[in-house]
Amino acid sequence: MTKPGVILITTLLIVMVMSVISMQISKNFYVSLKREAYLDFKNQSYHMLINSEKQAIKSIQKAIKLNQSKLTLSAPILKNKFYYQNDLMLLEIVVSDASNCFNLNSLFDKSGNTYNVLPAQRDWLARYLELKSINEPDIQSFIDQLIDWVDQDNQPLNFGAENYFYIGPASQSKQFTPKRLLVDLSEIQNFPIMQALNFEEMTRDLCVIPGSTKQLLNINTLISEDALLVASFFSEENLEFTESQILNLPQNGYDDVSVFASYFSQSSIYPAQVLSLNSKSFYLHGKIVNENFSANLDTLVILDLSNSAVIARRTFNF
């Protein structure tokens, strides 16, 4: 005869096993629902970000066409955010001027299959790094390694690095030098000198415009944080003076770059064509948020002489 205690224990064990199974089924079902919701959000947000990107680019083109003479920080496309909304999510797009940085590709002038180094840009980069309190040997190493990364030969400069280093045991990248212009600023982290330098700290005013050697500074959209970049361009050691000139921007912006340049004693010896009243490159930062997920889109847009837009870089983060 079966004892009541055995029956009770058996029943409890069965209930416990069934509870565990039920919990696991519920957990898997919840994960499946969440995965499906995420994929649905990702698909919707992707299309929403792309469509809003197109609308923002059209707004930029329209603004530049209407104000071809100059672009200032008070311009609506830089001052106001763009908002798009549906029943499930809100999208926000911020447009910023991408001109005011040192384009590392501007160090080069492409002629056929060769890349010639422009002395004026090289000296500007060296002055910038010096104002960053980087010592002379490290400055020379960084510039030489940048040149070796881009140039067509396999002969390293005095402080440079070519294929033998990047495929050797001391390198983690295990790749040949690409022998092309930079595509992304992160590429410089492959340089051996970067082990001695702080990437985030030294690149505050550095940038890369993929495939482009153009360099412009829009004096009408400068901010105080650009003082070091401007000071290095004019070989001005007084950063406070430089910042004060930036902050003294006329309410409606400058109409002539020579007026701004005249405040710097050595302006006549530096290439005036770098200074501009307008902008041709813009960053678009799009962000979507709903109750459970978020998505971001960062786009670098370049306008050519005909005001046509080229997307130089686009990065999604879901």
Protein backbone atom coordinates (compact mmCIF):
# COMPACT_ATOMS: atom_id res chain seq x y z
CA MET A 1 0.00 0.00 0.00
CA THR A 2 1.39 3.35 -0.99
CA LYS A 3 2.07 5.66 1.91
CA PRO A 4 0.42 9.12 1.81
CA GLY A 5 3.80 10.84 2.37
CA VAL A 6 5.29 9.29 -0.76
CA ILE A 7 2.30 10.40 -2.81
CA LEU A 8 2.58 13.91 -1.43
CA ILE A 9 6.31 14.17 -2.16
CA THR A 10 5.81 12.78 -5.65
CA THR A 11 3.02 15.26 -6.30
CA LEU A 12 5.15 18.16 -5.06
CA LEU A 13 8.05 17.08 -7.26
CA ILE A 14 5.77 16.93 -10.29
CA VAL A 15 4.37 20.38 -9.50
CA MET A 16 7.89 21.78 -9.04
CA VAL A 17 9.12 20.31 -12.33
CA MET A 18 6.05 21.62 -14.13
CA SER A 19 6.62 25.07 -12.59
CA VAL A 20 10.23 25.13 -13.78
CA ILE A 21 9.17 24.07 -17.26
CA SER A 22 6.41 26.68 -17.28
CA MET A 23 8.83 29.41 -16.18
CA GLN A 24 11.32 28.47 -18.89
CA ILE A 25 8.60 28.47 -21.53
CA SER A 26 7.42 31.89 -20.33
CA LYS A 27 10.99 33.22 -20.35
CA ASN A 28 11.63 31.97 -23.89
CA PHE A 29 8.30 33.41 -25.01
CA TYR A 30 9.13 36.79 -23.46
CA VAL A 31 12.59 36.81 -25.11
CA SER A 32 11.01 35.90 -28.43
CA LEU A 33 8.47 38.72 -28.12
CA LYS A 34 11.19 41.19 -27.15
CA ARG A 35 13.38 40.09 -30.07
CA GLU A 36 10.47 40.49 -32.46
CA ALA A 37 9.70 43.94 -31.04
CA TYR A 38 13.36 44.96 -31.40
CA LEU A 39 13.54 43.79 -35.02
CA ASP A 40 10.31 45.66 -35.77
CA PHE A 41 11.71 48.82 -34.11
CA LYS A 42 15.02 48.46 -35.96
CA ASN A 43 13.27 48.17 -39.31
CA GLN A 44 10.94 51.12 -38.68
CA SER A 45 13.66 53.34 -37.20
CA TYR A 46 16.02 52.61 -40.10
CA HIS A 47 13.50 53.85 -42.67
CA MET A 48 12.48 56.76 -40.47
CA LEU A 49 16.11 57.86 -40.00
CA ILE A 50 16.87 57.60 -43.71
CA ASN A 51 13.76 59.59 -44.68
CA SER A 52 14.45 62.28 -42.08
CA GLU A 53 18.08 62.44 -43.23
CA LYS A 54 16.86 63.22 -46.76
CA GLN A 55 14.58 65.96 -45.45
CA ALA A 56 17.36 67.49 -43.36
CA ILE A 57 19.74 67.50 -46.34
CA LYS A 58 17.10 69.26 -48.45
CA SER A 59 16.75 71.87 -45.72
CA ILE A 60 20.52 72.40 -45.66
CA GLN A 61 20.66 72.76 -49.45
CA LYS A 62 17.81 75.24 -49.39
CA ALA A 63 19.43 77.29 -46.64
CA ILE A 64 22.80 77.40 -48.41
CA LYS A 65 21.14 78.36 -51.71
CA LEU A 66 19.24 81.21 -50.06
CA ASN A 67 22.30 82.42 -48.13
CA GLN A 68 25.22 81.78 -50.43
CA SER A 69 27.32 84.62 -49.02
CA LYS A 70 27.65 83.33 -45.46
CA LEU A 71 26.45 80.88 -42.83
CA THR A 72 26.39 81.88 -39.17
CA LEU A 73 25.61 80.09 -35.92
CA SER A 74 22.27 81.89 -35.78
CA ALA A 75 21.12 80.23 -39.02
CA PRO A 76 17.95 78.17 -38.38
CA ILE A 77 19.49 74.95 -39.74
CA LEU A 78 22.21 75.12 -37.06
CA LYS A 79 20.17 76.69 -34.29
CA ASN A 80 16.95 74.68 -34.51
CA LYS A 81 16.43 70.95 -34.22
CA PHE A 82 14.32 68.91 -36.62
CA TYR A 83 11.57 66.73 -35.15
CA TYR A 84 9.60 63.91 -36.75
CA GLN A 85 7.07 61.77 -34.91
CA ASN A 86 4.70 58.86 -35.43
CA ASP A 87 2.52 56.89 -33.01
CA LEU A 88 5.42 54.81 -31.69
CA MET A 89 8.51 56.99 -31.63
CA LEU A 90 9.97 60.49 -31.71
CA LEU A 91 12.92 61.37 -33.96
CA GLU A 92 15.25 64.32 -33.38
CA ILE A 93 17.90 65.57 -35.84
CA VAL A 94 20.62 68.07 -34.98
CA VAL A 95 22.66 69.71 -37.76
CA SER A 96 26.11 71.08 -37.01
CA ASP A 97 28.88 72.63 -39.08
CA ALA A 98 31.62 70.09 -39.88
CA SER A 99 34.03 72.66 -41.34
CA ASN A 100 35.94 73.79 -38.30
CA CYS A 101 38.47 71.03 -37.80
CA PHE A 102 41.79 70.06 -39.33
CA ASN A 103 41.12 67.52 -42.07
CA LEU A 104 44.11 65.17 -41.92
CA ASN A 105 43.64 64.41 -45.62
CA SER A 106 44.31 68.08 -46.39
CA LEU A 107 47.97 67.35 -45.71
CA PHE A 108 48.10 65.86 -49.20
CA ASP A 109 47.69 66.99 -52.77
CA LYS A 110 46.83 64.09 -55.06
CA SER A 111 48.57 64.15 -58.41
CA GLY A 112 47.83 61.07 -60.50
CA ASN A 113 48.70 58.07 -58.34
CA THR A 114 50.95 60.01 -55.97
CA TYR A 115 50.26 62.06 -52.86
CA ASN A 116 52.40 65.15 -52.40
CA VAL A 117 52.69 66.69 -48.94
CA LEU A 118 51.64 70.34 -48.69
CA PRO A 119 54.20 72.19 -46.52
CA ALA A 120 51.68 74.81 -45.31
CA GLN A 121 49.27 72.13 -44.04
CA ARG A 122 52.10 70.10 -42.53
CA ASP A 123 53.36 73.14 -40.62
CA TRP A 124 49.83 73.97 -39.43
CA LEU A 125 49.37 70.43 -38.10
CA ALA A 126 52.75 70.61 -36.36
CA ARG A 127 51.85 73.94 -34.71
CA TYR A 128 48.50 72.49 -33.59
CA LEU A 129 50.15 69.48 -31.97
CA GLU A 130 52.75 71.72 -30.35
CA LEU A 131 50.00 73.83 -28.77
CA LYS A 132 48.60 70.53 -27.50
CA SER A 133 51.88 70.26 -25.52
CA ILE A 134 53.07 67.27 -27.54
CA ASN A 135 56.86 67.14 -27.74
CA GLU A 136 58.75 67.63 -30.99
CA PRO A 137 59.89 63.99 -31.52
CA ASP A 138 56.32 62.74 -31.07
CA ILE A 139 54.99 65.41 -33.45
CA GLN A 140 57.52 64.40 -36.09
CA SER A 141 56.71 60.73 -35.55
CA PHE A 142 52.97 61.29 -35.91
CA ILE A 143 53.31 63.31 -39.11
CA ASP A 144 55.84 60.92 -40.69
CA GLN A 145 53.67 57.91 -39.85
CA LEU A 146 50.62 59.66 -41.29
CA ILE A 147 52.52 60.33 -44.52
CA ASP A 148 53.79 56.74 -44.70
CA TRP A 149 50.24 55.47 -44.15
CA VAL A 150 49.03 57.34 -47.23
CA ASP A 151 51.98 57.54 -49.64
CA GLN A 152 52.56 54.97 -52.38
CA ASP A 153 56.09 53.83 -51.54
CA ASN A 154 57.32 51.33 -48.96
CA GLN A 155 60.25 53.42 -47.80
CA PRO A 156 59.65 54.76 -44.28
CA LEU A 157 60.46 58.35 -43.41
CA ASN A 158 62.86 59.10 -40.56
CA PHE A 159 60.19 58.67 -37.87
CA GLY A 160 57.70 56.81 -40.03
CA ALA A 161 56.45 53.23 -40.32
CA GLU A 162 55.76 51.14 -43.40
CA ASN A 163 54.61 47.59 -44.10
CA TYR A 164 57.45 45.89 -42.24
CA PHE A 165 56.16 47.35 -38.96
CA TYR A 166 52.43 46.82 -39.46
CA ILE A 167 52.80 43.15 -40.34
CA GLY A 168 55.51 42.52 -37.76
CA PRO A 169 55.23 41.14 -34.22
CA ALA A 170 55.06 44.63 -32.66
CA SER A 171 51.84 45.51 -34.46
CA GLN A 172 48.34 44.32 -33.66
CA SER A 173 46.80 45.54 -36.92
CA LYS A 174 48.54 42.94 -39.14
CA GLN A 175 47.89 44.79 -42.35
CA PHE A 176 49.75 46.64 -45.06
CA THR A 177 49.63 50.42 -45.20
CA PRO A 178 46.52 51.24 -47.29
CA LYS A 179 48.31 53.78 -49.57
CA ARG A 180 45.21 55.96 -49.82
CA LEU A 181 43.64 58.90 -48.06
CA LEU A 182 42.16 58.29 -44.63
CA VAL A 183 38.57 57.11 -44.43
CA ASP A 184 38.05 57.49 -40.69
CA LEU A 185 39.89 59.25 -37.89
CA SER A 186 40.18 55.97 -35.97
CA GLU A 187 42.78 54.76 -38.50
CA ILE A 188 45.48 56.81 -36.81
CA GLN A 189 45.22 54.53 -33.78
CA ASN A 190 47.21 52.03 -35.83
CA PHE A 191 50.25 54.31 -35.79
CA PRO A 192 52.96 53.11 -33.37
CA ILE A 193 53.33 56.63 -31.93
CA MET A 194 49.73 56.50 -30.69
CA GLN A 195 50.85 54.18 -27.91
CA ALA A 196 52.49 57.26 -26.37
CA LEU A 197 49.66 59.72 -27.13
CA ASN A 198 46.10 60.15 -25.88
CA PHE A 199 43.80 59.72 -28.89
CA GLU A 200 40.80 61.52 -27.41
CA GLU A 201 42.84 64.44 -26.13
CA MET A 202 44.87 65.10 -29.27
CA THR A 203 42.00 64.77 -31.77
CA ARG A 204 39.61 67.42 -30.37
CA ASP A 205 40.11 69.55 -33.50
CA LEU A 206 41.17 66.82 -35.93
CA CYS A 207 38.85 65.15 -38.42
CA VAL A 208 38.81 63.12 -41.62
CA ILE A 209 36.68 63.91 -44.65
CA PRO A 210 36.76 60.61 -46.58
CA GLY A 211 38.34 60.96 -50.01
CA SER A 212 38.67 64.73 -49.75
CA THR A 213 41.78 66.89 -49.32
CA LYS A 214 39.77 70.11 -48.93
CA GLN A 215 40.25 72.30 -45.89
CA LEU A 216 38.00 75.20 -44.84
CA LEU A 217 37.38 77.13 -41.65
CA ASN A 218 34.09 79.00 -41.52
CA ILE A 219 34.96 82.02 -39.37
CA ASN A 220 31.24 82.73 -38.86
CA THR A 221 30.59 79.43 -37.05
CA LEU A 222 33.69 79.35 -34.84
CA ILE A 223 33.19 78.82 -31.12
CA SER A 224 35.55 79.43 -28.21
CA GLU A 225 36.61 75.76 -28.18
CA ASP A 226 38.11 76.30 -31.66
CA ALA A 227 40.67 78.77 -30.31
CA LEU A 228 43.57 76.31 -30.42
CA LEU A 229 42.84 75.35 -34.03
CA VAL A 230 42.64 79.01 -35.10
CA ALA A 231 45.69 80.01 -33.08
CA SER A 232 47.78 77.26 -34.66
CA PHE A 233 46.68 78.37 -38.13
CA PHE A 234 47.87 81.94 -37.52
CA SER A 235 50.87 80.87 -35.43
CA GLU A 236 49.40 82.79 -32.50
CA GLU A 237 50.63 81.60 -29.10
CA ASN A 238 48.15 83.65 -27.07
CA LEU A 239 45.08 81.42 -26.83
CA GLU A 240 43.15 83.91 -24.71
CA PHE A 241 43.59 86.57 -27.37
CA THR A 242 42.46 84.14 -30.06
CA GLU A 243 39.41 83.12 -28.05
CA SER A 244 38.49 86.77 -27.50
CA GLN A 245 38.55 87.40 -31.27
CA ILE A 246 36.26 84.42 -31.82
CA LEU A 247 33.86 85.62 -29.13
CA ASN A 248 33.82 89.11 -30.68
CA LEU A 249 32.06 87.76 -33.75
CA PRO A 250 29.73 90.43 -35.20
CA GLN A 251 26.05 89.77 -34.59
CA ASN A 252 25.41 89.13 -38.28
CA GLY A 253 28.76 87.49 -38.95
CA TYR A 254 31.69 88.65 -41.05
CA ASP A 255 31.25 89.69 -44.67
CA ASP A 256 34.98 89.60 -45.41
CA VAL A 257 37.52 87.05 -44.11
CA SER A 258 40.28 89.67 -44.26
CA VAL A 259 38.63 91.59 -41.41
CA PHE A 260 38.95 88.62 -39.07
CA ALA A 261 42.43 87.75 -40.33
CA SER A 262 43.67 91.32 -39.77
CA TYR A 263 43.44 90.81 -36.01
CA PHE A 264 46.37 88.38 -36.20
CA SER A 265 49.80 89.87 -36.79
CA GLN A 266 51.12 87.05 -39.02
CA SER A 267 47.96 86.45 -41.06
CA SER A 268 49.53 87.64 -44.32
CA ILE A 269 51.88 84.64 -44.54
CA TYR A 270 49.17 81.97 -44.24
CA PRO A 271 46.87 80.70 -47.03
CA ALA A 272 43.76 82.91 -46.94
CA GLN A 273 41.80 80.41 -49.06
CA VAL A 274 41.44 78.22 -45.98
CA LEU A 275 39.23 80.87 -44.37
CA SER A 276 35.61 80.99 -45.48
CA LEU A 277 32.32 82.74 -44.68
CA ASN A 278 30.25 79.70 -45.54
CA SER A 279 30.25 75.94 -45.05
CA LYS A 280 30.12 72.95 -47.34
CA SER A 281 30.28 70.09 -44.85
CA PHE A 282 27.75 69.22 -42.15
CA TYR A 283 27.16 66.62 -39.46
CA LEU A 284 23.67 65.23 -39.00
CA HIS A 285 22.92 63.45 -35.75
CA GLY A 286 19.58 61.65 -35.71
CA LYS A 287 18.17 60.01 -32.59
CA ILE A 288 15.04 57.92 -32.10
CA VAL A 289 13.72 56.86 -28.73
CA ASN A 290 10.67 54.89 -27.71
CA GLU A 291 9.79 53.20 -24.43
CA ASN A 292 12.15 50.26 -24.85
CA PHE A 293 14.76 50.95 -27.55
CA SER A 294 16.83 53.71 -29.12
CA ALA A 295 18.60 54.23 -32.43
CA ASN A 296 21.13 56.77 -33.71
CA LEU A 297 22.29 57.86 -37.15
CA ASP A 298 25.40 60.00 -37.69
CA THR A 299 25.91 61.36 -41.20
CA LEU A 300 28.64 63.50 -42.75
CA VAL A 301 27.25 65.44 -45.72
CA ILE A 302 29.36 67.35 -48.24
CA LEU A 303 27.91 69.90 -50.64
CA ASP A 304 29.72 70.43 -53.95
CA LEU A 305 29.91 73.62 -56.00
CA SER A 306 26.53 72.89 -57.58
CA ASN A 307 24.96 72.44 -54.11
CA SER A 308 24.49 68.71 -54.71
CA ALA A 309 24.87 66.59 -51.59
CA VAL A 310 27.26 63.68 -51.16
CA ILE A 311 27.04 61.43 -48.10
CA ALA A 312 30.68 60.95 -47.13
CA ARG A 313 29.96 58.78 -44.10
CA ARG A 314 26.91 57.25 -42.47
CA THR A 315 26.88 55.30 -39.20
CA PHE A 316 23.92 53.53 -37.59
CA ASN A 317 23.80 52.52 -33.93
CA PHE A 318 20.87 50.43 -32.72
